[in-house]
PDB file of all heavy atoms in Angstrom:
ATOM      1  N   LEU A   1     -10.688   5.644   0.600  1.00  0.00           N
ATOM      2  CA  LEU A   1     -12.117   5.409   0.311  1.00  0.00           C
ATOM      3  C   LEU A   1     -12.669   4.157   1.031  1.00  0.00           C
ATOM      4  O   LEU A   1     -13.824   4.189   1.479  1.00  0.00           O
ATOM      5  CB  LEU A   1     -12.322   5.271  -1.206  1.00  0.00           C
ATOM      6  CG  LEU A   1     -11.969   6.502  -2.047  1.00  0.00           C
ATOM      7  CD1 LEU A   1     -12.112   6.175  -3.526  1.00  0.00           C
ATOM      8  CD2 LEU A   1     -12.890   7.642  -1.703  1.00  0.00           C
ATOM      9  N   LEU A   2     -11.912   3.118   1.094  1.00  0.00           N
ATOM     10  CA  LEU A   2     -12.289   1.882   1.773  1.00  0.00           C
ATOM     11  C   LEU A   2     -12.522   2.193   3.233  1.00  0.00           C
ATOM     12  O   LEU A   2     -13.427   1.757   3.904  1.00  0.00           O
ATOM     13  CB  LEU A   2     -11.345   0.775   1.599  1.00  0.00           C
ATOM     14  CG  LEU A   2     -11.247   0.203   0.146  1.00  0.00           C
ATOM     15  CD1 LEU A   2     -10.044  -0.723   0.088  1.00  0.00           C
ATOM     16  CD2 LEU A   2     -12.475  -0.581  -0.129  1.00  0.00           C
ATOM     17  N   LYS A   3     -11.611   2.971   3.850  1.00  0.00           N
ATOM     18  CA  LYS A   3     -11.779   3.327   5.255  1.00  0.00           C
ATOM     19  C   LYS A   3     -12.978   4.221   5.496  1.00  0.00           C
ATOM     20  O   LYS A   3     -13.727   3.977   6.424  1.00  0.00           O
ATOM     21  CB  LYS A   3     -10.497   4.131   5.659  1.00  0.00           C
ATOM     22  CG  LYS A   3     -10.515   4.607   7.161  1.00  0.00           C
ATOM     23  CD  LYS A   3     -10.309   3.376   8.106  1.00  0.00           C
ATOM     24  CE  LYS A   3     -10.282   3.705   9.548  1.00  0.00           C
ATOM     25  NZ  LYS A   3      -9.999   5.056  10.011  1.00  0.00           N
ATOM     26  N   ARG A   4     -13.192   5.194   4.632  1.00  0.00           N
ATOM     27  CA  ARG A   4     -14.430   6.065   4.800  1.00  0.00           C
ATOM     28  C   ARG A   4     -15.720   5.211   4.676  1.00  0.00           C
ATOM     29  O   ARG A   4     -16.679   5.513   5.334  1.00  0.00           O
ATOM     30  CB  ARG A   4     -14.360   7.183   3.747  1.00  0.00           C
ATOM     31  CG  ARG A   4     -13.341   8.226   3.985  1.00  0.00           C
ATOM     32  CD  ARG A   4     -13.358   9.191   2.837  1.00  0.00           C
ATOM     33  NE  ARG A   4     -12.284  10.236   2.906  1.00  0.00           N
ATOM     34  CZ  ARG A   4     -11.961  11.106   1.961  1.00  0.00           C
ATOM     35  NH1 ARG A   4     -12.730  11.140   0.850  1.00  0.00           N
ATOM     36  NH2 ARG A   4     -10.992  11.983   2.180  1.00  0.00           N
ATOM     37  N   ALA A   5     -15.736   4.301   3.724  1.00  0.00           N
ATOM     38  CA  ALA A   5     -16.902   3.502   3.488  1.00  0.00           C
ATOM     39  C   ALA A   5     -17.124   2.401   4.475  1.00  0.00           C
ATOM     40  O   ALA A   5     -18.084   1.675   4.411  1.00  0.00           O
ATOM     41  CB  ALA A   5     -16.904   2.970   2.056  1.00  0.00           C
ATOM     42  N   ARG A   6     -16.103   2.237   5.352  1.00  0.00           N
ATOM     43  CA  ARG A   6     -16.170   1.189   6.415  1.00  0.00           C
ATOM     44  C   ARG A   6     -16.401  -0.198   5.746  1.00  0.00           C
ATOM     45  O   ARG A   6     -17.165  -1.012   6.211  1.00  0.00           O
ATOM     46  CB  ARG A   6     -17.214   1.436   7.437  1.00  0.00           C
ATOM     47  CG  ARG A   6     -16.978   2.716   8.249  1.00  0.00           C
ATOM     48  CD  ARG A   6     -18.038   2.906   9.365  1.00  0.00           C
ATOM     49  NE  ARG A   6     -17.805   4.024  10.203  1.00  0.00           N
ATOM     50  CZ  ARG A   6     -18.261   5.266   9.934  1.00  0.00           C
ATOM     51  NH1 ARG A   6     -18.964   5.471   8.876  1.00  0.00           N
ATOM     52  NH2 ARG A   6     -17.954   6.278  10.719  1.00  0.00           N
ATOM     53  N   VAL A   7     -15.727  -0.439   4.605  1.00  0.00           N
ATOM     54  CA  VAL A   7     -15.865  -1.707   3.953  1.00  0.00           C
ATOM     55  C   VAL A   7     -15.232  -2.828   4.861  1.00  0.00           C
ATOM     56  O   VAL A   7     -14.084  -2.699   5.293  1.00  0.00           O
ATOM     57  CB  VAL A   7     -15.142  -1.689   2.589  1.00  0.00           C
ATOM     58  CG1 VAL A   7     -15.171  -3.097   1.901  1.00  0.00           C
ATOM     59  CG2 VAL A   7     -15.856  -0.659   1.683  1.00  0.00           C
ATOM     60  N   ALA A   8     -15.976  -3.882   5.135  1.00  0.00           N
ATOM     61  CA  ALA A   8     -15.490  -4.952   5.896  1.00  0.00           C
ATOM     62  C   ALA A   8     -14.600  -5.837   5.025  1.00  0.00           C
ATOM     63  O   ALA A   8     -15.039  -6.366   4.000  1.00  0.00           O
ATOM     64  CB  ALA A   8     -16.632  -5.777   6.457  1.00  0.00           C
ATOM     65  N   LEU A   9     -13.363  -6.024   5.421  1.00  0.00           N
ATOM     66  CA  LEU A   9     -12.339  -6.682   4.619  1.00  0.00           C
ATOM     67  C   LEU A   9     -12.105  -8.113   5.166  1.00  0.00           C
ATOM     68  O   LEU A   9     -12.172  -8.366   6.330  1.00  0.00           O
ATOM     69  CB  LEU A   9     -10.994  -5.934   4.639  1.00  0.00           C
ATOM     70  CG  LEU A   9     -11.043  -4.476   4.198  1.00  0.00           C
ATOM     71  CD1 LEU A   9      -9.709  -3.810   4.447  1.00  0.00           C
ATOM     72  CD2 LEU A   9     -11.487  -4.321   2.799  1.00  0.00           C
ATOM     73  N   ASP A  10     -11.810  -8.955   4.215  1.00  0.00           N
ATOM     74  CA  ASP A  10     -11.428 -10.380   4.631  1.00  0.00           C
ATOM     75  C   ASP A  10      -9.966 -10.664   4.499  1.00  0.00           C
ATOM     76  O   ASP A  10      -9.477 -11.749   4.685  1.00  0.00           O
ATOM     77  CB  ASP A  10     -12.319 -11.450   3.928  1.00  0.00           C
ATOM     78  CG  ASP A  10     -11.967 -11.613   2.443  1.00  0.00           C
ATOM     79  OD1 ASP A  10     -11.196 -10.794   1.916  1.00  0.00           O
ATOM     80  OD2 ASP A  10     -12.472 -12.511   1.792  1.00  0.00           O
ATOM     81  N   ARG A  11      -9.213  -9.683   4.050  1.00  0.00           N
ATOM     82  CA  ARG A  11      -7.788  -9.687   4.028  1.00  0.00           C
ATOM     83  C   ARG A  11      -7.201  -8.270   4.224  1.00  0.00           C
ATOM     84  O   ARG A  11      -7.902  -7.272   3.862  1.00  0.00           O
ATOM     85  CB  ARG A  11      -7.210 -10.290   2.715  1.00  0.00           C
ATOM     86  CG  ARG A  11      -7.450  -9.464   1.475  1.00  0.00           C
ATOM     87  CD  ARG A  11      -6.690 -10.071   0.279  1.00  0.00           C
ATOM     88  NE  ARG A  11      -7.444 -11.238  -0.355  1.00  0.00           N
ATOM     89  CZ  ARG A  11      -6.843 -12.316  -0.661  1.00  0.00           C
ATOM     90  NH1 ARG A  11      -5.555 -12.503  -0.442  1.00  0.00           N
ATOM     91  NH2 ARG A  11      -7.589 -13.302  -1.219  1.00  0.00           N
ATOM     92  N   ASP A  12      -6.015  -8.208   4.788  1.00  0.00           N
ATOM     93  CA  ASP A  12      -5.442  -6.853   4.973  1.00  0.00           C
ATOM     94  C   ASP A  12      -5.104  -6.302   3.629  1.00  0.00           C
ATOM     95  O   ASP A  12      -4.784  -6.990   2.665  1.00  0.00           O
ATOM     96  CB  ASP A  12      -4.105  -6.962   5.779  1.00  0.00           C
ATOM     97  CG  ASP A  12      -4.376  -7.226   7.282  1.00  0.00           C
ATOM     98  OD1 ASP A  12      -5.507  -7.480   7.668  1.00  0.00           O
ATOM     99  OD2 ASP A  12      -3.367  -7.199   7.990  1.00  0.00           O
ATOM    100  N   ILE A  13      -5.102  -4.949   3.542  1.00  0.00           N
ATOM    101  CA  ILE A  13      -4.714  -4.241   2.390  1.00  0.00           C
ATOM    102  C   ILE A  13      -3.520  -3.319   2.765  1.00  0.00           C
ATOM    103  O   ILE A  13      -3.650  -2.559   3.790  1.00  0.00           O
ATOM    104  CB  ILE A  13      -5.786  -3.331   1.728  1.00  0.00           C
ATOM    105  CG1 ILE A  13      -7.005  -4.265   1.351  1.00  0.00           C
ATOM    106  CG2 ILE A  13      -5.243  -2.598   0.552  1.00  0.00           C
ATOM    107  CD1 ILE A  13      -8.187  -3.482   0.848  1.00  0.00           C
ATOM    108  N   ILE A  14      -2.427  -3.427   2.097  1.00  0.00           N
ATOM    109  CA  ILE A  14      -1.197  -2.691   2.464  1.00  0.00           C
ATOM    110  C   ILE A  14      -0.888  -1.721   1.323  1.00  0.00           C
ATOM    111  O   ILE A  14      -1.057  -2.096   0.140  1.00  0.00           O
ATOM    112  CB  ILE A  14      -0.007  -3.635   2.611  1.00  0.00           C
ATOM    113  CG1 ILE A  14      -0.263  -4.707   3.692  1.00  0.00           C
ATOM    114  CG2 ILE A  14       1.292  -2.808   3.011  1.00  0.00           C
ATOM    115  CD1 ILE A  14       0.760  -5.763   3.755  1.00  0.00           C
ATOM    116  N   PHE A  15      -0.491  -0.508   1.690  1.00  0.00           N
ATOM    117  CA  PHE A  15      -0.015   0.448   0.680  1.00  0.00           C
ATOM    118  C   PHE A  15       1.473   0.627   0.975  1.00  0.00           C
ATOM    119  O   PHE A  15       1.843   0.897   2.133  1.00  0.00           O
ATOM    120  CB  PHE A  15      -0.704   1.799   0.817  1.00  0.00           C
ATOM    121  CG  PHE A  15      -0.004   2.904   0.061  1.00  0.00           C
ATOM    122  CD1 PHE A  15      -0.213   3.130  -1.247  1.00  0.00           C
ATOM    123  CD2 PHE A  15       0.868   3.806   0.770  1.00  0.00           C
ATOM    124  CE1 PHE A  15       0.501   4.144  -1.902  1.00  0.00           C
ATOM    125  CE2 PHE A  15       1.508   4.799   0.150  1.00  0.00           C
ATOM    126  CZ  PHE A  15       1.304   4.929  -1.230  1.00  0.00           C
ATOM    127  N   ALA A  16       2.318   0.554  -0.049  1.00  0.00           N
ATOM    128  CA  ALA A  16       3.757   0.842   0.077  1.00  0.00           C
ATOM    129  C   ALA A  16       4.162   1.922  -0.941  1.00  0.00           C
ATOM    130  O   ALA A  16       4.076   1.656  -2.150  1.00  0.00           O
ATOM    131  CB  ALA A  16       4.616  -0.386  -0.088  1.00  0.00           C
ATOM    132  N   GLY A  17       4.489   3.120  -0.457  1.00  0.00           N
ATOM    133  CA  GLY A  17       5.083   4.145  -1.304  1.00  0.00           C
ATOM    134  C   GLY A  17       6.577   4.116  -1.077  1.00  0.00           C
ATOM    135  O   GLY A  17       7.004   4.564   0.019  1.00  0.00           O
ATOM    136  N   VAL A  18       7.338   3.648  -2.044  1.00  0.00           N
ATOM    137  CA  VAL A  18       8.762   3.282  -1.736  1.00  0.00           C
ATOM    138  C   VAL A  18       9.745   4.194  -2.450  1.00  0.00           C
ATOM    139  O   VAL A  18       9.458   4.823  -3.475  1.00  0.00           O
ATOM    140  CB  VAL A  18       9.008   1.821  -2.144  1.00  0.00           C
ATOM    141  CG1 VAL A  18       8.098   0.880  -1.359  1.00  0.00           C
ATOM    142  CG2 VAL A  18       8.820   1.608  -3.638  1.00  0.00           C
ATOM    143  N   ALA A  19      10.939   4.177  -1.931  1.00  0.00           N
ATOM    144  CA  ALA A  19      12.064   4.867  -2.490  1.00  0.00           C
ATOM    145  C   ALA A  19      12.816   4.094  -3.512  1.00  0.00           C
ATOM    146  O   ALA A  19      12.649   2.838  -3.523  1.00  0.00           O
ATOM    147  CB  ALA A  19      13.010   5.296  -1.363  1.00  0.00           C
ATOM    148  N   ASP A  20      13.544   4.724  -4.373  1.00  0.00           N
ATOM    149  CA  ASP A  20      14.748   4.128  -5.113  1.00  0.00           C
ATOM    150  C   ASP A  20      14.441   3.147  -6.154  1.00  0.00           C
ATOM    151  O   ASP A  20      15.369   2.480  -6.640  1.00  0.00           O
ATOM    152  CB  ASP A  20      15.683   3.480  -4.005  1.00  0.00           C
ATOM    153  CG  ASP A  20      17.051   3.288  -4.568  1.00  0.00           C
ATOM    154  OD1 ASP A  20      17.584   4.189  -5.316  1.00  0.00           O
ATOM    155  OD2 ASP A  20      17.690   2.237  -4.374  1.00  0.00           O
ATOM    156  N   GLU A  21      13.238   2.969  -6.662  1.00  0.00           N
ATOM    157  CA  GLU A  21      12.994   1.980  -7.747  1.00  0.00           C
ATOM    158  C   GLU A  21      13.822   2.317  -8.995  1.00  0.00           C
ATOM    159  O   GLU A  21      14.294   1.450  -9.685  1.00  0.00           O
ATOM    160  CB  GLU A  21      11.551   1.944  -8.064  1.00  0.00           C
ATOM    161  CG  GLU A  21      11.161   0.788  -8.981  1.00  0.00           C
ATOM    162  CD  GLU A  21      11.289   1.066 -10.492  1.00  0.00           C
ATOM    163  OE1 GLU A  21      11.428   2.260 -10.838  1.00  0.00           O
ATOM    164  OE2 GLU A  21      11.216   0.096 -11.278  1.00  0.00           O
ATOM    165  N   GLU A  22      13.982   3.619  -9.271  1.00  0.00           N
ATOM    166  CA  GLU A  22      14.650   4.035 -10.510  1.00  0.00           C
ATOM    167  C   GLU A  22      16.137   3.727 -10.432  1.00  0.00           C
ATOM    168  O   GLU A  22      16.803   3.860 -11.502  1.00  0.00           O
ATOM    169  CB  GLU A  22      14.419   5.573 -10.732  1.00  0.00           C
ATOM    170  CG  GLU A  22      12.947   5.891 -10.956  1.00  0.00           C
ATOM    171  CD  GLU A  22      12.439   5.364 -12.245  1.00  0.00           C
ATOM    172  OE1 GLU A  22      13.102   4.659 -12.970  1.00  0.00           O
ATOM    173  OE2 GLU A  22      11.219   5.617 -12.518  1.00  0.00           O
ATOM    174  N   SER A  23      16.705   3.461  -9.309  1.00  0.00           N
ATOM    175  CA  SER A  23      18.158   3.083  -9.260  1.00  0.00           C
ATOM    176  C   SER A  23      18.384   1.652  -8.708  1.00  0.00           C
ATOM    177  O   SER A  23      19.418   1.385  -8.235  1.00  0.00           O
ATOM    178  CB  SER A  23      18.849   4.153  -8.335  1.00  0.00           C
ATOM    179  OG  SER A  23      18.978   5.414  -9.008  1.00  0.00           O
ATOM    180  N   GLY A  24      17.383   0.793  -8.802  1.00  0.00           N
ATOM    181  CA  GLY A  24      17.590  -0.600  -8.516  1.00  0.00           C
ATOM    182  C   GLY A  24      16.817  -1.110  -7.314  1.00  0.00           C
ATOM    183  O   GLY A  24      16.872  -2.299  -6.971  1.00  0.00           O
ATOM    184  N   SER A  25      16.123  -0.244  -6.548  1.00  0.00           N
ATOM    185  CA  SER A  25      15.215  -0.644  -5.465  1.00  0.00           C
ATOM    186  C   SER A  25      15.904  -0.984  -4.155  1.00  0.00           C
ATOM    187  O   SER A  25      15.242  -1.330  -3.195  1.00  0.00           O
ATOM    188  CB  SER A  25      14.291  -1.769  -5.877  1.00  0.00           C
ATOM    189  OG  SER A  25      13.550  -1.517  -7.054  1.00  0.00           O
ATOM    190  N   ASN A  26      17.231  -0.915  -4.099  1.00  0.00           N
ATOM    191  CA  ASN A  26      17.928  -1.350  -2.884  1.00  0.00           C
ATOM    192  C   ASN A  26      17.599  -0.522  -1.704  1.00  0.00           C
ATOM    193  O   ASN A  26      17.572  -1.042  -0.553  1.00  0.00           O
ATOM    194  CB  ASN A  26      19.449  -1.375  -3.162  1.00  0.00           C
ATOM    195  CG  ASN A  26      19.856  -2.441  -4.104  1.00  0.00           C
ATOM    196  OD1 ASN A  26      19.372  -3.559  -4.014  1.00  0.00           O
ATOM    197  ND2 ASN A  26      20.764  -2.109  -5.007  1.00  0.00           N
ATOM    198  N   LYS A  27      17.354   0.774  -1.845  1.00  0.00           N
ATOM    199  CA  LYS A  27      17.018   1.604  -0.728  1.00  0.00           C
ATOM    200  C   LYS A  27      15.508   1.772  -0.475  1.00  0.00           C
ATOM    201  O   LYS A  27      15.092   2.534   0.385  1.00  0.00           O
ATOM    202  CB  LYS A  27      17.652   2.991  -0.954  1.00  0.00           C
ATOM    203  CG  LYS A  27      19.190   2.933  -1.017  1.00  0.00           C
ATOM    204  CD  LYS A  27      19.817   4.302  -1.428  1.00  0.00           C
ATOM    205  CE  LYS A  27      21.309   4.143  -1.593  1.00  0.00           C
ATOM    206  NZ  LYS A  27      21.915   5.420  -2.048  1.00  0.00           N
TER     207      LYS A  27
END
């Protein structure tokens, strides 16, 4: 939505969809 709306950002926004949290996050 931010990309579509061309919102001017003053800091980067990162998305992290990660593996393995349910077994300790190591992977």
